[in-house]
Amino acid sequence: MKKIAVFCGASNGNDPVYTEQAYALGKYLAENQYELVYGAGSTGMMGAVANGVLENDGIAIGVMPRFLGEREIAHENLTEYHVVETMHERKQMMADMADGFIMLPGGAGSLEEFFEIYTWSQIGLHNKPIGVFNINHFFEPLNQMINHLIQTEFVSKDYEHLAIIKDNLPDLFTKMNMAQPVKLRDYQK
């Protein structure tokens, strides 16, 4: 893995630990020669992770749809800044550039990006590791939901470890670097 796409919110959340750990992820990326691919924002979790990368001499690549760039403040110091027309183009460009994915706390948009990448892996559109940085136990409900989907057989047990959910960066990156491609299911009977 060289480039990591990070999905996260443009808000800070209600506890400073979220942005502190987003910054820590950015710093970790830079110090370990990973490049950041993200939504190009300068606020909230997006700004914190980008600042963590840039303030530690790392590479931060932003992708923002034109219409959002007119309403949101794009980070001014990015290594690369790409403007696309739609959200779909943004997600596709980020997915194409990335060698792996990490979700940080965020809102519905972050979850949507995560579940799209999760689904794309299930159906064989990519074979890249998917990490979830479980800051302050934020993603415990997500972990429970994924387990519930598996228990009720709406998601195959084959995908039990598709989302790598860890609450510290060294463990998260160790597991992501060791991740094996998932076995594709044959839905024909």
Protein backbone atom coordinates (compact mmCIF):
# COMPACT_ATOMS: atom_id res chain seq x y z
CA MET A 1 0.00 0.00 0.00
CA LYS A 2 1.22 3.44 -0.89
CA LYS A 3 -1.88 5.64 -1.22
CA ILE A 4 -4.65 5.53 1.37
CA ALA A 5 -8.08 7.02 0.71
CA VAL A 6 -9.55 8.39 3.91
CA PHE A 7 -13.29 8.88 4.34
CA CYS A 8 -14.22 11.28 7.14
CA GLY A 9 -16.40 14.20 8.10
CA ALA A 10 -16.05 17.89 7.38
CA SER A 11 -17.18 18.46 10.99
CA ASN A 12 -15.20 18.10 14.21
CA GLY A 13 -17.70 16.05 16.20
CA ASN A 14 -18.42 16.74 19.86
CA ASP A 15 -15.11 15.56 21.36
CA PRO A 16 -11.64 16.94 20.53
CA VAL A 17 -10.28 13.36 20.53
CA TYR A 18 -11.77 12.87 17.05
CA THR A 19 -9.74 15.64 15.38
CA GLU A 20 -6.68 14.87 17.52
CA GLN A 21 -6.71 11.29 16.25
CA ALA A 22 -7.46 12.37 12.67
CA TYR A 23 -4.34 14.53 12.86
CA ALA A 24 -2.45 11.56 14.35
CA LEU A 25 -3.51 9.44 11.38
CA GLY A 26 -2.22 12.10 8.99
CA LYS A 27 1.07 12.27 10.86
CA TYR A 28 1.32 8.45 10.82
CA LEU A 29 0.70 8.41 7.06
CA ALA A 30 3.45 10.97 6.44
CA GLU A 31 5.96 9.35 8.78
CA ASN A 32 5.42 5.95 7.17
CA GLN A 33 5.56 7.21 3.56
CA TYR A 34 1.86 6.69 2.79
CA GLU A 35 0.11 9.27 0.65
CA LEU A 36 -3.29 10.63 1.61
CA VAL A 37 -6.17 10.66 -0.89
CA TYR A 38 -9.24 12.42 0.49
CA GLY A 39 -12.11 14.81 -0.19
CA ALA A 40 -9.92 17.98 -0.24
CA GLY A 41 -11.68 19.80 2.61
CA SER A 42 -9.95 22.08 5.10
CA THR A 43 -12.44 21.78 7.96
CA GLY A 44 -13.28 19.17 10.57
CA MET A 45 -11.83 15.70 10.34
CA MET A 46 -10.81 16.26 6.71
CA GLY A 47 -8.74 19.31 7.61
CA ALA A 48 -7.19 17.57 10.61
CA VAL A 49 -5.99 14.51 8.68
CA ALA A 50 -4.64 16.67 5.84
CA ASN A 51 -2.84 18.95 8.29
CA GLY A 52 -1.32 15.91 9.99
CA VAL A 53 0.08 14.81 6.64
CA LEU A 54 1.22 18.20 5.37
CA GLU A 55 2.77 19.41 8.64
CA ASN A 56 4.90 16.26 8.65
CA ASP A 57 6.17 16.61 5.07
CA GLY A 58 3.75 14.09 3.58
CA ILE A 59 1.75 14.03 0.37
CA ALA A 60 -1.93 14.99 0.45
CA ILE A 61 -4.07 14.57 -2.66
CA GLY A 62 -7.54 16.11 -2.63
CA VAL A 63 -10.51 15.43 -4.91
CA MET A 64 -13.48 17.80 -4.80
CA PRO A 65 -16.55 18.20 -6.99
CA ARG A 66 -16.80 21.68 -8.51
CA PHE A 67 -20.18 22.40 -6.89
CA LEU A 68 -18.81 21.61 -3.41
CA GLY A 69 -15.69 23.63 -4.05
CA GLU A 70 -17.94 26.64 -4.57
CA ARG A 71 -19.55 26.10 -1.11
CA GLU A 72 -16.79 24.52 0.97
CA ILE A 73 -13.29 25.64 1.62
CA ALA A 74 -10.79 23.40 -0.11
CA HIS A 75 -7.47 22.95 1.64
CA GLU A 76 -5.03 25.49 0.18
CA ASN A 77 -1.78 23.58 0.67
CA LEU A 78 -2.49 20.23 -0.96
CA THR A 79 0.21 18.45 -2.92
CA GLU A 80 -2.37 17.74 -5.65
CA TYR A 81 -5.89 19.09 -6.05
CA HIS A 82 -8.33 17.54 -8.52
CA VAL A 83 -11.67 19.07 -9.49
CA VAL A 84 -14.37 16.75 -10.78
CA GLU A 85 -18.00 17.35 -11.73
CA THR A 86 -19.92 14.89 -9.55
CA MET A 87 -19.76 13.01 -6.28
CA HIS A 88 -19.63 9.77 -8.25
CA GLU A 89 -16.55 10.98 -10.13
CA ARG A 90 -14.97 12.00 -6.83
CA LYS A 91 -15.49 8.57 -5.28
CA GLN A 92 -14.33 6.78 -8.42
CA MET A 93 -11.16 8.87 -8.69
CA MET A 94 -10.36 8.33 -5.02
CA ALA A 95 -10.97 4.58 -5.34
CA ASP A 96 -8.85 4.35 -8.48
CA MET A 97 -5.93 6.21 -6.86
CA ALA A 98 -6.02 4.35 -3.55
CA ASP A 99 -4.29 1.13 -2.56
CA GLY A 100 -6.37 0.93 0.63
CA PHE A 101 -9.15 2.74 2.47
CA ILE A 102 -9.64 4.02 6.01
CA MET A 103 -12.82 5.46 7.49
CA LEU A 104 -12.69 7.92 10.36
CA PRO A 105 -15.68 9.25 12.28
CA GLY A 106 -18.02 11.27 10.14
CA GLY A 107 -21.60 11.51 9.03
CA ALA A 108 -23.80 9.87 6.44
CA GLY A 109 -21.40 10.71 3.60
CA SER A 110 -18.51 8.88 5.25
CA LEU A 111 -20.70 5.84 5.87
CA GLU A 112 -21.96 5.92 2.29
CA GLU A 113 -18.39 6.00 0.96
CA PHE A 114 -17.39 3.15 3.27
CA PHE A 115 -20.34 0.94 2.33
CA GLU A 116 -19.82 1.55 -1.37
CA ILE A 117 -16.18 0.44 -1.10
CA TYR A 118 -17.24 -2.48 1.10
CA THR A 119 -19.82 -3.56 -1.49
CA TRP A 120 -17.39 -3.09 -4.38
CA SER A 121 -15.03 -5.49 -2.61
CA GLN A 122 -17.80 -8.06 -2.08
CA ILE A 123 -18.61 -8.10 -5.81
CA GLY A 124 -14.99 -8.12 -6.94
CA LEU A 125 -14.54 -4.55 -8.20
CA HIS A 126 -11.45 -4.12 -6.04
CA ASN A 127 -9.19 -6.17 -3.80
CA LYS A 128 -7.91 -3.41 -1.52
CA PRO A 129 -7.92 -3.48 2.29
CA ILE A 130 -10.63 -1.54 4.11
CA GLY A 131 -9.79 -0.13 7.53
CA VAL A 132 -11.92 1.58 10.14
CA PHE A 133 -10.15 3.69 12.78
CA ASN A 134 -12.39 3.15 15.80
CA ILE A 135 -11.61 6.38 17.64
CA ASN A 136 -13.20 6.49 21.10
CA HIS A 137 -15.32 3.41 20.21
CA PHE A 138 -17.19 5.48 17.62
CA PHE A 139 -17.70 2.50 15.29
CA GLU A 140 -18.96 -0.07 17.81
CA PRO A 141 -22.51 0.27 16.38
CA LEU A 142 -21.10 -0.31 12.87
CA ASN A 143 -19.27 -3.41 14.07
CA GLN A 144 -22.50 -4.67 15.66
CA MET A 145 -24.44 -3.98 12.45
CA ILE A 146 -21.93 -5.85 10.28
CA ASN A 147 -22.06 -8.80 12.69
CA HIS A 148 -25.87 -8.66 12.61
CA LEU A 149 -25.86 -8.71 8.80
CA ILE A 150 -23.61 -11.79 8.90
CA GLN A 151 -25.67 -13.54 11.60
CA THR A 152 -28.90 -12.98 9.64
CA GLU A 153 -27.12 -14.20 6.47
CA PHE A 154 -27.63 -11.02 4.47
CA VAL A 155 -23.83 -10.82 4.30
CA SER A 156 -21.76 -13.97 3.90
CA LYS A 157 -19.51 -15.10 6.73
CA ASP A 158 -16.80 -15.00 4.04
CA TYR A 159 -16.80 -11.20 4.56
CA GLU A 160 -16.52 -11.30 8.35
CA HIS A 161 -13.09 -9.64 8.28
CA LEU A 162 -13.58 -7.47 5.21
CA ALA A 163 -13.76 -4.33 7.37
CA ILE A 164 -10.70 -4.16 9.62
CA ILE A 165 -11.90 -2.27 12.70
CA LYS A 166 -9.13 -1.26 15.11
CA ASP A 167 -8.73 1.43 17.74
CA ASN A 168 -5.03 2.09 17.30
CA LEU A 169 -3.01 2.92 14.21
CA PRO A 170 -0.21 0.32 14.43
CA ASP A 171 -2.73 -2.55 14.70
CA LEU A 172 -4.88 -1.08 11.94
CA PHE A 173 -1.97 -0.79 9.50
CA THR A 174 -0.53 -4.19 10.44
CA LYS A 175 -3.86 -5.87 9.68
CA MET A 176 -4.39 -3.84 6.50
CA ASN A 177 -0.94 -4.77 5.21
CA MET A 178 -1.64 -8.46 5.96
CA ALA A 179 -5.13 -8.45 4.42
CA GLN A 180 -5.85 -11.20 1.90
CA PRO A 181 -8.22 -10.88 -1.04
CA VAL A 182 -11.77 -11.91 -0.20
CA LYS A 183 -13.28 -14.98 -1.78
CA LEU A 184 -15.99 -14.04 -4.25
CA ARG A 185 -19.31 -15.75 -3.69
CA ASP A 186 -21.15 -17.57 -6.45
CA TYR A 187 -24.75 -16.38 -6.20
CA GLN A 188 -26.01 -18.83 -8.76
CA LYS A 189 -27.73 -21.90 -7.39
